[in-house]
Every structure is written in structure tokens, then in C-alpha cells.
Amino acid sequence: ELLITSENNIQPRWSWSGTAYLSNESYCNITTYNNFWKDSPKVTNGDSNKYSVTVRAINEKGEIVCPEQTILPGETVKLNRINAFGGKITFQGKATEKGDYYISLT
């Protein structure tokens, strides 16, 4: 039996941080994970990035599971909830100007 109290510190089940090359014309894959839990991922556009990025998440069928959101440099947004056991989820992004962008997902 698991007892959850206000003292429990819930940690993200996964995280990814790194540099991704993003185009300004079409979406580029950033990272992929298998979701076994319901999740509302947070995405951060690194504060050293010069331009905004637009991110979304798709499932294995190419269906959008998190609609696109535009994120300014240094800003973090919380995406829509992704249902548990949704299979492989791919985060994609595109940028105002093509180039390398530092992005964090948790």
C-alpha cells in the first residue's frame, strides 16, 4: 500500500536537456520517450537562445497529443496532459530562425 501525503516529494518520471537543431520551416524531432504515466511535460527554451521556439508532441501515428506552444527564450511552459500508456511520444520543435537551441523537458 502506498500512502501519499503532503510531505511526499513527487519527482518527474523522465527528463531531457540538450541542444537540438531546429528549422524555421518545418518541425524537427527533439527527443522521444515511452510514456507509462499520465504526464504534463514542462518545456524550457534556454535563456541563452536568441529566438523563440514552437514545440508540440505527437504519438506514433503522427497524431498531435500536445498542441503547439511558442516559448520565448528563458521561458518555461507546461504542455497539455498526455495520457498514460500512449506509446512512444516524440517532441518536435521549430524556431523563429534555424539553428541550435538548448531545450529542457521534464
PDB file of N, CA and C in Angstrom:
ATOM      1  N   GLU A   1       0.839  -1.175   0.000  1.00  0.00           N
ATOM      2  CA  GLU A   1       0.000   0.000   0.000  1.00  0.00           C
ATOM      3  C   GLU A   1       0.885   1.241   0.000  1.00  0.00           C
ATOM      4  N   LEU A   2       0.538   2.201  -0.814  1.00  0.00           N
ATOM      5  CA  LEU A   2       1.286   3.449  -0.925  1.00  0.00           C
ATOM      6  C   LEU A   2       0.463   4.566  -0.318  1.00  0.00           C
ATOM      7  N   LEU A   3       1.042   5.242   0.648  1.00  0.00           N
ATOM      8  CA  LEU A   3       0.393   6.369   1.285  1.00  0.00           C
ATOM      9  C   LEU A   3       1.048   7.641   0.787  1.00  0.00           C
ATOM     10  N   ILE A   4       0.252   8.511   0.201  1.00  0.00           N
ATOM     11  CA  ILE A   4       0.785   9.774  -0.306  1.00  0.00           C
ATOM     12  C   ILE A   4       0.321  10.887   0.618  1.00  0.00           C
ATOM     13  N   THR A   5       1.283  11.642   1.107  1.00  0.00           N
ATOM     14  CA  THR A   5       0.976  12.760   1.990  1.00  0.00           C
ATOM     15  C   THR A   5       1.545  14.033   1.391  1.00  0.00           C
ATOM     16  N   SER A   6       1.263  15.137   2.045  1.00  0.00           N
ATOM     17  CA  SER A   6       1.793  16.408   1.555  1.00  0.00           C
ATOM     18  C   SER A   6       3.307  16.476   1.683  1.00  0.00           C
ATOM     19  N   GLU A   7       3.904  15.554   2.425  1.00  0.00           N
ATOM     20  CA  GLU A   7       5.356  15.545   2.609  1.00  0.00           C
ATOM     21  C   GLU A   7       6.076  14.811   1.479  1.00  0.00           C
ATOM     22  N   ASN A   8       5.317  14.031   0.693  1.00  0.00           N
ATOM     23  CA  ASN A   8       5.941  13.323  -0.415  1.00  0.00           C
ATOM     24  C   ASN A   8       6.452  14.310  -1.443  1.00  0.00           C
ATOM     25  N   ASN A   9       7.650  14.073  -1.923  1.00  0.00           N
ATOM     26  CA  ASN A   9       8.243  14.917  -2.951  1.00  0.00           C
ATOM     27  C   ASN A   9       8.147  14.170  -4.271  1.00  0.00           C
ATOM     28  N   ILE A  10       7.198  14.556  -5.111  1.00  0.00           N
ATOM     29  CA  ILE A  10       6.992  13.896  -6.394  1.00  0.00           C
ATOM     30  C   ILE A  10       8.025  14.424  -7.387  1.00  0.00           C
ATOM     31  N   GLN A  11       8.754  13.524  -8.003  1.00  0.00           N
ATOM     32  CA  GLN A  11       9.790  13.881  -8.962  1.00  0.00           C
ATOM     33  C   GLN A  11       9.320  13.564 -10.374  1.00  0.00           C
ATOM     34  N   PRO A  12       9.801  14.289 -11.363  1.00  0.00           N
ATOM     35  CA  PRO A  12       9.449  13.944 -12.745  1.00  0.00           C
ATOM     36  C   PRO A  12       9.899  12.526 -13.058  1.00  0.00           C
ATOM     37  N   ARG A  13       9.131  11.833 -13.868  1.00  0.00           N
ATOM     38  CA  ARG A  13       9.458  10.452 -14.213  1.00  0.00           C
ATOM     39  C   ARG A  13      10.545  10.375 -15.283  1.00  0.00           C
ATOM     40  N   TRP A  14      10.772  11.441 -15.991  1.00  0.00           N
ATOM     41  CA  TRP A  14      11.809  11.475 -17.031  1.00  0.00           C
ATOM     42  C   TRP A  14      12.213  12.929 -17.236  1.00  0.00           C
ATOM     43  N   SER A  15      13.339  13.105 -17.833  1.00  0.00           N
ATOM     44  CA  SER A  15      13.762  14.450 -18.209  1.00  0.00           C
ATOM     45  C   SER A  15      14.779  14.344 -19.335  1.00  0.00           C
ATOM     46  N   TRP A  16      14.874  15.423 -20.095  1.00  0.00           N
ATOM     47  CA  TRP A  16      15.854  15.507 -21.174  1.00  0.00           C
ATOM     48  C   TRP A  16      16.272  16.960 -21.291  1.00  0.00           C
ATOM     49  N   SER A  17      17.557  17.177 -21.410  1.00  0.00           N
ATOM     50  CA  SER A  17      18.105  18.506 -21.673  1.00  0.00           C
ATOM     51  C   SER A  17      19.210  18.364 -22.685  1.00  0.00           C
ATOM     52  N   GLY A  18      19.263  19.280 -23.619  1.00  0.00           N
ATOM     53  CA  GLY A  18      20.319  19.232 -24.609  1.00  0.00           C
ATOM     54  C   GLY A  18      20.097  20.236 -25.714  1.00  0.00           C
ATOM     55  N   THR A  19      20.977  20.161 -26.697  1.00  0.00           N
ATOM     56  CA  THR A  19      20.915  21.056 -27.840  1.00  0.00           C
ATOM     57  C   THR A  19      20.275  20.319 -29.007  1.00  0.00           C
ATOM     58  N   ALA A  20      19.329  20.978 -29.643  1.00  0.00           N
ATOM     59  CA  ALA A  20      18.659  20.411 -30.810  1.00  0.00           C
ATOM     60  C   ALA A  20      18.730  21.412 -31.952  1.00  0.00           C
ATOM     61  N   TYR A  21      18.971  20.908 -33.146  1.00  0.00           N
ATOM     62  CA  TYR A  21      18.940  21.767 -34.323  1.00  0.00           C
ATOM     63  C   TYR A  21      17.486  21.912 -34.746  1.00  0.00           C
ATOM     64  N   LEU A  22      17.017  23.147 -34.855  1.00  0.00           N
ATOM     65  CA  LEU A  22      15.641  23.411 -35.259  1.00  0.00           C
ATOM     66  C   LEU A  22      15.612  24.234 -36.543  1.00  0.00           C
ATOM     67  N   SER A  23      14.708  23.873 -37.408  1.00  0.00           N
ATOM     68  CA  SER A  23      14.482  24.601 -38.652  1.00  0.00           C
ATOM     69  C   SER A  23      13.442  25.691 -38.400  1.00  0.00           C
ATOM     70  N   ASN A  24      13.358  26.641 -39.301  1.00  0.00           N
ATOM     71  CA  ASN A  24      12.302  27.641 -39.206  1.00  0.00           C
ATOM     72  C   ASN A  24      11.181  27.355 -40.206  1.00  0.00           C
ATOM     73  N   GLU A  25      11.315  26.249 -40.945  1.00  0.00           N
ATOM     74  CA  GLU A  25      10.332  25.917 -41.972  1.00  0.00           C
ATOM     75  C   GLU A  25       9.450  24.731 -41.608  1.00  0.00           C
ATOM     76  N   SER A  26      10.014  23.749 -40.924  1.00  0.00           N
ATOM     77  CA  SER A  26       9.241  22.561 -40.580  1.00  0.00           C
ATOM     78  C   SER A  26       9.696  22.035 -39.221  1.00  0.00           C
ATOM     79  N   TYR A  27       8.888  21.164 -38.635  1.00  0.00           N
ATOM     80  CA  TYR A  27       9.211  20.612 -37.323  1.00  0.00           C
ATOM     81  C   TYR A  27      10.369  19.626 -37.405  1.00  0.00           C
ATOM     82  N   CYS A  28      11.223  19.665 -36.381  1.00  0.00           N
ATOM     83  CA  CYS A  28      12.345  18.742 -36.227  1.00  0.00           C
ATOM     84  C   CYS A  28      12.139  17.969 -34.930  1.00  0.00           C
ATOM     85  N   ASN A  29      12.506  16.689 -34.925  1.00  0.00           N
ATOM     86  CA  ASN A  29      12.393  15.889 -33.710  1.00  0.00           C
ATOM     87  C   ASN A  29      13.417  16.346 -32.683  1.00  0.00           C
ATOM     88  N   ILE A  30      12.976  16.486 -31.438  1.00  0.00           N
ATOM     89  CA  ILE A  30      13.866  16.875 -30.342  1.00  0.00           C
ATOM     90  C   ILE A  30      14.255  15.646 -29.541  1.00  0.00           C
ATOM     91  N   THR A  31      13.271  14.905 -29.030  1.00  0.00           N
ATOM     92  CA  THR A  31      13.518  13.681 -28.278  1.00  0.00           C
ATOM     93  C   THR A  31      12.249  12.846 -28.262  1.00  0.00           C
ATOM     94  N   THR A  32      12.393  11.571 -27.902  1.00  0.00           N
ATOM     95  CA  THR A  32      11.280  10.630 -27.849  1.00  0.00           C
ATOM     96  C   THR A  32      11.335   9.869 -26.539  1.00  0.00           C
ATOM     97  N   TYR A  33      10.165   9.545 -25.996  1.00  0.00           N
ATOM     98  CA  TYR A  33      10.123   8.685 -24.806  1.00  0.00           C
ATOM     99  C   TYR A  33       8.847   7.866 -24.822  1.00  0.00           C
ATOM    100  N   ASN A  34       8.837   6.766 -24.086  1.00  0.00           N
ATOM    101  CA  ASN A  34       7.652   5.936 -23.919  1.00  0.00           C
ATOM    102  C   ASN A  34       6.964   6.364 -22.638  1.00  0.00           C
ATOM    103  N   ASN A  35       5.729   6.799 -22.754  1.00  0.00           N
ATOM    104  CA  ASN A  35       5.049   7.259 -21.544  1.00  0.00           C
ATOM    105  C   ASN A  35       4.230   6.135 -20.932  1.00  0.00           C
ATOM    106  N   PHE A  36       4.538   5.845 -19.678  1.00  0.00           N
ATOM    107  CA  PHE A  36       3.818   4.833 -18.924  1.00  0.00           C
ATOM    108  C   PHE A  36       2.917   5.473 -17.871  1.00  0.00           C
ATOM    109  N   TRP A  37       3.071   6.788 -17.663  1.00  0.00           N
ATOM    110  CA  TRP A  37       2.288   7.508 -16.672  1.00  0.00           C
ATOM    111  C   TRP A  37       1.660   8.715 -17.352  1.00  0.00           C
ATOM    112  N   LYS A  38       0.536   9.171 -16.810  1.00  0.00           N
ATOM    113  CA  LYS A  38       0.000  10.432 -17.325  1.00  0.00           C
ATOM    114  C   LYS A  38       0.988  11.524 -16.952  1.00  0.00           C
ATOM    115  N   ASP A  39       1.120  12.480 -17.819  1.00  0.00           N
ATOM    116  CA  ASP A  39       2.170  13.472 -17.639  1.00  0.00           C
ATOM    117  C   ASP A  39       1.763  14.785 -18.295  1.00  0.00           C
ATOM    118  N   SER A  40       2.202  15.885 -17.702  1.00  0.00           N
ATOM    119  CA  SER A  40       2.052  17.214 -18.296  1.00  0.00           C
ATOM    120  C   SER A  40       3.451  17.803 -18.384  1.00  0.00           C
ATOM    121  N   PRO A  41       4.164  17.500 -19.470  1.00  0.00           N
ATOM    122  CA  PRO A  41       5.563  17.904 -19.578  1.00  0.00           C
ATOM    123  C   PRO A  41       5.751  19.417 -19.538  1.00  0.00           C
ATOM    124  N   LYS A  42       6.873  19.819 -18.953  1.00  0.00           N
ATOM    125  CA  LYS A  42       7.285  21.223 -18.967  1.00  0.00           C
ATOM    126  C   LYS A  42       8.438  21.343 -19.947  1.00  0.00           C
ATOM    127  N   VAL A  43       8.393  22.368 -20.773  1.00  0.00           N
ATOM    128  CA  VAL A  43       9.437  22.604 -21.773  1.00  0.00           C
ATOM    129  C   VAL A  43      10.029  23.982 -21.521  1.00  0.00           C
ATOM    130  N   THR A  44      11.366  24.045 -21.475  1.00  0.00           N
ATOM    131  CA  THR A  44      12.078  25.304 -21.269  1.00  0.00           C
ATOM    132  C   THR A  44      12.904  25.624 -22.503  1.00  0.00           C
ATOM    133  N   ASN A  45      12.752  26.833 -23.005  1.00  0.00           N
ATOM    134  CA  ASN A  45      13.596  27.362 -24.074  1.00  0.00           C
ATOM    135  C   ASN A  45      14.751  28.060 -23.351  1.00  0.00           C
ATOM    136  N   GLY A  46      15.957  27.547 -23.503  1.00  0.00           N
ATOM    137  CA  GLY A  46      17.112  28.062 -22.774  1.00  0.00           C
ATOM    138  C   GLY A  46      17.258  29.572 -22.845  1.00  0.00           C
ATOM    139  N   ASP A  47      17.674  30.174 -21.725  1.00  0.00           N
ATOM    140  CA  ASP A  47      17.789  31.640 -21.699  1.00  0.00           C
ATOM    141  C   ASP A  47      18.929  32.163 -22.554  1.00  0.00           C
ATOM    142  N   SER A  48      19.835  31.278 -23.006  1.00  0.00           N
ATOM    143  CA  SER A  48      20.904  31.716 -23.904  1.00  0.00           C
ATOM    144  C   SER A  48      20.463  31.712 -25.371  1.00  0.00           C
ATOM    145  N   ASN A  49      19.280  31.155 -25.646  1.00  0.00           N
ATOM    146  CA  ASN A  49      18.762  31.153 -27.014  1.00  0.00           C
ATOM    147  C   ASN A  49      18.299  32.560 -27.390  1.00  0.00           C
ATOM    148  N   LYS A  50      18.529  32.932 -28.637  1.00  0.00           N
ATOM    149  CA  LYS A  50      18.180  34.285 -29.084  1.00  0.00           C
ATOM    150  C   LYS A  50      16.733  34.412 -29.533  1.00  0.00           C
ATOM    151  N   TYR A  51      16.115  33.290 -29.925  1.00  0.00           N
ATOM    152  CA  TYR A  51      14.797  33.354 -30.542  1.00  0.00           C
ATOM    153  C   TYR A  51      13.816  32.409 -29.859  1.00  0.00           C
ATOM    154  N   SER A  52      12.536  32.632 -30.138  1.00  0.00           N
ATOM    155  CA  SER A  52      11.503  31.757 -29.599  1.00  0.00           C
ATOM    156  C   SER A  52      11.488  30.434 -30.354  1.00  0.00           C
ATOM    157  N   VAL A  53      10.950  29.417 -29.690  1.00  0.00           N
ATOM    158  CA  VAL A  53      10.762  28.105 -30.304  1.00  0.00           C
ATOM    159  C   VAL A  53       9.294  27.717 -30.149  1.00  0.00           C
ATOM    160  N   THR A  54       8.823  26.923 -31.088  1.00  0.00           N
ATOM    161  CA  THR A  54       7.465  26.389 -31.024  1.00  0.00           C
ATOM    162  C   THR A  54       7.602  24.879 -30.899  1.00  0.00           C
ATOM    163  N   VAL A  55       6.945  24.301 -29.886  1.00  0.00           N
ATOM    164  CA  VAL A  55       7.052  22.861 -29.646  1.00  0.00           C
ATOM    165  C   VAL A  55       5.666  22.219 -29.682  1.00  0.00           C
ATOM    166  N   ARG A  56       5.663  20.924 -29.955  1.00  0.00           N
ATOM    167  CA  ARG A  56       4.455  20.109 -29.901  1.00  0.00           C
ATOM    168  C   ARG A  56       4.889  18.677 -29.627  1.00  0.00           C
ATOM    169  N   ALA A  57       3.923  17.807 -29.333  1.00  0.00           N
ATOM    170  CA  ALA A  57       4.213  16.390 -29.129  1.00  0.00           C
ATOM    171  C   ALA A  57       3.266  15.572 -29.988  1.00  0.00           C
ATOM    172  N   ILE A  58       3.802  14.509 -30.594  1.00  0.00           N
ATOM    173  CA  ILE A  58       2.995  13.622 -31.428  1.00  0.00           C
ATOM    174  C   ILE A  58       3.168  12.187 -30.944  1.00  0.00           C
ATOM    175  N   ASN A  59       2.188  11.345 -31.260  1.00  0.00           N
ATOM    176  CA  ASN A  59       2.313   9.929 -30.933  1.00  0.00           C
ATOM    177  C   ASN A  59       2.862   9.164 -32.132  1.00  0.00           C
ATOM    178  N   GLU A  60       2.911   7.850 -31.996  1.00  0.00           N
ATOM    179  CA  GLU A  60       3.493   7.005 -33.055  1.00  0.00           C
ATOM    180  C   GLU A  60       2.709   7.071 -34.370  1.00  0.00           C
ATOM    181  N   LYS A  61       1.440   7.434 -34.300  1.00  0.00           N
ATOM    182  CA  LYS A  61       0.613   7.541 -35.504  1.00  0.00           C
ATOM    183  C   LYS A  61       0.745   8.904 -36.159  1.00  0.00           C
ATOM    184  N   GLY A  62       1.526   9.803 -35.528  1.00  0.00           N
ATOM    185  CA  GLY A  62       1.679  11.149 -36.059  1.00  0.00           C
ATOM    186  C   GLY A  62       0.593  12.100 -35.604  1.00  0.00           C
ATOM    187  N   GLU A  63      -0.271  11.633 -34.696  1.00  0.00           N
ATOM    188  CA  GLU A  63      -1.338  12.479 -34.167  1.00  0.00           C
ATOM    189  C   GLU A  63      -0.773  13.422 -33.113  1.00  0.00           C
ATOM    190  N   ILE A  64      -1.216  14.637 -33.113  1.00  0.00           N
ATOM    191  CA  ILE A  64      -0.741  15.619 -32.142  1.00  0.00           C
ATOM    192  C   ILE A  64      -1.406  15.342 -30.793  1.00  0.00           C
ATOM    193  N   VAL A  65      -0.587  15.106 -29.761  1.00  0.00           N
ATOM    194  CA  VAL A  65      -1.106  14.862 -28.412  1.00  0.00           C
ATOM    195  C   VAL A  65      -0.934  16.089 -27.519  1.00  0.00           C
ATOM    196  N   CYS A  66      -0.054  16.985 -27.885  1.00  0.00           N
ATOM    197  CA  CYS A  66       0.111  18.286 -27.221  1.00  0.00           C
ATOM    198  C   CYS A  66       0.192  19.331 -28.324  1.00  0.00           C
ATOM    199  N   PRO A  67      -0.803  20.204 -28.426  1.00  0.00           N
ATOM    200  CA  PRO A  67      -0.776  21.222 -29.481  1.00  0.00           C
ATOM    201  C   PRO A  67       0.431  22.143 -29.340  1.00  0.00           C
ATOM    202  N   GLU A  68       0.774  22.784 -30.429  1.00  0.00           N
ATOM    203  CA  GLU A  68       1.961  23.648 -30.433  1.00  0.00           C
ATOM    204  C   GLU A  68       1.814  24.819 -29.467  1.00  0.00           C
ATOM    205  N   GLN A  69       2.953  25.139 -28.846  1.00  0.00           N
ATOM    206  CA  GLN A  69       3.055  26.312 -27.982  1.00  0.00           C
ATOM    207  C   GLN A  69       4.369  26.997 -28.305  1.00  0.00           C
ATOM    208  N   THR A  70       4.338  28.306 -28.371  1.00  0.00           N
ATOM    209  CA  THR A  70       5.531  29.091 -28.636  1.00  0.00           C
ATOM    210  C   THR A  70       6.114  29.548 -27.306  1.00  0.00           C
ATOM    211  N   ILE A  71       7.440  29.395 -27.187  1.00  0.00           N
ATOM    212  CA  ILE A  71       8.127  29.679 -25.928  1.00  0.00           C
ATOM    213  C   ILE A  71       9.239  30.695 -26.183  1.00  0.00           C
ATOM    214  N   LEU A  72       9.223  31.782 -25.462  1.00  0.00           N
ATOM    215  CA  LEU A  72      10.268  32.805 -25.556  1.00  0.00           C
ATOM    216  C   LEU A  72      11.544  32.323 -24.883  1.00  0.00           C
ATOM    217  N   PRO A  73      12.707  32.873 -25.224  1.00  0.00           N
ATOM    218  CA  PRO A  73      13.954  32.500 -24.556  1.00  0.00           C
ATOM    219  C   PRO A  73      13.839  32.686 -23.040  1.00  0.00           C
ATOM    220  N   GLY A  74      14.277  31.670 -22.302  1.00  0.00           N
ATOM    221  CA  GLY A  74      14.251  31.712 -20.846  1.00  0.00           C
ATOM    222  C   GLY A  74      12.909  31.365 -20.236  1.00  0.00           C
ATOM    223  N   GLU A  75      11.913  31.091 -21.055  1.00  0.00           N
ATOM    224  CA  GLU A  75      10.567  30.812 -20.565  1.00  0.00           C
ATOM    225  C   GLU A  75      10.315  29.309 -20.497  1.00  0.00           C
ATOM    226  N   THR A  76       9.458  28.899 -19.559  1.00  0.00           N
ATOM    227  CA  THR A  76       9.026  27.514 -19.421  1.00  0.00           C
ATOM    228  C   THR A  76       7.518  27.458 -19.566  1.00  0.00           C
ATOM    229  N   VAL A  77       7.020  26.481 -20.317  1.00  0.00           N
ATOM    230  CA  VAL A  77       5.576  26.273 -20.436  1.00  0.00           C
ATOM    231  C   VAL A  77       5.253  24.829 -20.075  1.00  0.00           C
ATOM    232  N   LYS A  78       4.035  24.647 -19.591  1.00  0.00           N
ATOM    233  CA  LYS A  78       3.542  23.315 -19.279  1.00  0.00           C
ATOM    234  C   LYS A  78       2.608  22.899 -20.404  1.00  0.00           C
ATOM    235  N   LEU A  79       2.912  21.767 -21.035  1.00  0.00           N
ATOM    236  CA  LEU A  79       2.091  21.276 -22.143  1.00  0.00           C
ATOM    237  C   LEU A  79       0.850  20.569 -21.611  1.00  0.00           C
ATOM    238  N   ASN A  80      -0.097  20.311 -22.494  1.00  0.00           N
ATOM    239  CA  ASN A  80      -1.299  19.567 -22.128  1.00  0.00           C
ATOM    240  C   ASN A  80      -0.937  18.193 -21.593  1.00  0.00           C
ATOM    241  N   ARG A  81      -1.843  17.623 -20.819  1.00  0.00           N
ATOM    242  CA  ARG A  81      -1.605  16.301 -20.239  1.00  0.00           C
ATOM    243  C   ARG A  81      -1.586  15.235 -21.324  1.00  0.00           C
ATOM    244  N   ILE A  82      -0.622  14.338 -21.201  1.00  0.00           N
ATOM    245  CA  ILE A  82      -0.516  13.176 -22.076  1.00  0.00           C
ATOM    246  C   ILE A  82      -1.005  11.980 -21.270  1.00  0.00           C
ATOM    247  N   ASN A  83      -1.939  11.217 -21.821  1.00  0.00           N
ATOM    248  CA  ASN A  83      -2.493  10.068 -21.109  1.00  0.00           C
ATOM    249  C   ASN A  83      -1.463   8.966 -20.939  1.00  0.00           C
ATOM    250  N   ALA A  84      -1.629   8.171 -19.902  1.00  0.00           N
ATOM    251  CA  ALA A  84      -0.732   7.044 -19.627  1.00  0.00           C
ATOM    252  C   ALA A  84      -0.829   5.996 -20.736  1.00  0.00           C
ATOM    253  N   PHE A  85       0.255   5.281 -20.931  1.00  0.00           N
ATOM    254  CA  PHE A  85       0.341   4.174 -21.877  1.00  0.00           C
ATOM    255  C   PHE A  85      -0.017   4.595 -23.296  1.00  0.00           C
ATOM    256  N   GLY A  86       0.456   5.765 -23.675  1.00  0.00           N
ATOM    257  CA  GLY A  86       0.184   6.286 -25.013  1.00  0.00           C
ATOM    258  C   GLY A  86       1.206   5.860 -26.046  1.00  0.00           C
ATOM    259  N   GLY A  87       2.148   5.005 -25.643  1.00  0.00           N
ATOM    260  CA  GLY A  87       3.175   4.577 -26.587  1.00  0.00           C
ATOM    261  C   GLY A  87       4.298   5.590 -26.675  1.00  0.00           C
ATOM    262  N   LYS A  88       4.986   5.565 -27.795  1.00  0.00           N
ATOM    263  CA  LYS A  88       6.127   6.451 -27.996  1.00  0.00           C
ATOM    264  C   LYS A  88       5.635   7.854 -28.324  1.00  0.00           C
ATOM    265  N   ILE A  89       6.127   8.827 -27.550  1.00  0.00           N
ATOM    266  CA  ILE A  89       5.784  10.225 -27.746  1.00  0.00           C
ATOM    267  C   ILE A  89       7.032  10.951 -28.243  1.00  0.00           C
ATOM    268  N   THR A  90       6.889  11.711 -29.317  1.00  0.00           N
ATOM    269  CA  THR A  90       8.009  12.468 -29.869  1.00  0.00           C
ATOM    270  C   THR A  90       7.730  13.956 -29.712  1.00  0.00           C
ATOM    271  N   PHE A  91       8.697  14.656 -29.138  1.00  0.00           N
ATOM    272  CA  PHE A  91       8.617  16.106 -29.019  1.00  0.00           C
ATOM    273  C   PHE A  91       9.300  16.706 -30.230  1.00  0.00           C
ATOM    274  N   GLN A  92       8.632  17.651 -30.853  1.00  0.00           N
ATOM    275  CA  GLN A  92       9.141  18.305 -32.049  1.00  0.00           C
ATOM    276  C   GLN A  92       9.173  19.804 -31.824  1.00  0.00           C
ATOM    277  N   GLY A  93      10.056  20.462 -32.564  1.00  0.00           N
ATOM    278  CA  GLY A  93      10.134  21.905 -32.449  1.00  0.00           C
ATOM    279  C   GLY A  93      10.553  22.552 -33.753  1.00  0.00           C
ATOM    280  N   LYS A  94      10.250  23.831 -33.847  1.00  0.00           N
ATOM    281  CA  LYS A  94      10.773  24.676 -34.916  1.00  0.00           C
ATOM    282  C   LYS A  94      11.021  26.032 -34.286  1.00  0.00           C
ATOM    283  N   ALA A  95      11.836  26.842 -34.930  1.00  0.00           N
ATOM    284  CA  ALA A  95      12.275  28.095 -34.323  1.00  0.00           C
ATOM    285  C   ALA A  95      12.038  29.270 -35.257  1.00  0.00           C
ATOM    286  N   THR A  96      12.102  30.461 -34.701  1.00  0.00           N
ATOM    287  CA  THR A  96      11.971  31.685 -35.481  1.00  0.00           C
ATOM    288  C   THR A  96      13.087  31.753 -36.521  1.00  0.00           C
ATOM    289  N   GLU A  97      14.299  31.406 -36.113  1.00  0.00           N
ATOM    290  CA  GLU A  97      15.463  31.335 -37.000  1.00  0.00           C
ATOM    291  C   GLU A  97      16.102  29.961 -36.838  1.00  0.00           C
ATOM    292  N   LYS A  98      16.481  29.311 -37.936  1.00  0.00           N
ATOM    293  CA  LYS A  98      17.074  27.979 -37.823  1.00  0.00           C
ATOM    294  C   LYS A  98      18.409  28.045 -37.104  1.00  0.00           C
ATOM    295  N   GLY A  99      18.724  26.957 -36.398  1.00  0.00           N
ATOM    296  CA  GLY A  99      19.974  26.884 -35.656  1.00  0.00           C
ATOM    297  C   GLY A  99      19.892  25.917 -34.488  1.00  0.00           C
ATOM    298  N   ASP A 100      20.916  25.932 -33.644  1.00  0.00           N
ATOM    299  CA  ASP A 100      20.975  25.086 -32.460  1.00  0.00           C
ATOM    300  C   ASP A 100      20.321  25.798 -31.283  1.00  0.00           C
ATOM    301  N   TYR A 101      19.479  25.069 -30.557  1.00  0.00           N
ATOM    302  CA  TYR A 101      18.744  25.620 -29.411  1.00  0.00           C
ATOM    303  C   TYR A 101      18.897  24.693 -28.219  1.00  0.00           C
ATOM    304  N   TYR A 102      19.123  25.260 -27.054  1.00  0.00           N
ATOM    305  CA  TYR A 102      19.186  24.480 -25.827  1.00  0.00           C
ATOM    306  C   TYR A 102      17.768  24.405 -25.262  1.00  0.00           C
ATOM    307  N   ILE A 103      17.305  23.179 -25.063  1.00  0.00           N
ATOM    308  CA  ILE A 103      15.938  22.928 -24.618  1.00  0.00           C
ATOM    309  C   ILE A 103      15.960  21.908 -23.484  1.00  0.00           C
ATOM    310  N   SER A 104      15.071  22.093 -22.508  1.00  0.00           N
ATOM    311  CA  SER A 104      14.907  21.132 -21.412  1.00  0.00           C
ATOM    312  C   SER A 104      13.459  20.684 -21.375  1.00  0.00           C
ATOM    313  N   LEU A 105      13.272  19.389 -21.155  1.00  0.00           N
ATOM    314  CA  LEU A 105      11.938  18.808 -20.993  1.00  0.00           C
ATOM    315  C   LEU A 105      11.910  18.009 -19.702  1.00  0.00           C
ATOM    316  N   THR A 106      10.884  18.224 -18.905  1.00  0.00           N
ATOM    317  CA  THR A 106      10.716  17.427 -17.668  1.00  0.00           C
ATOM    318  C   THR A 106       9.252  17.094 -17.492  1.00  0.00           C
TER     319      THR A 106
END
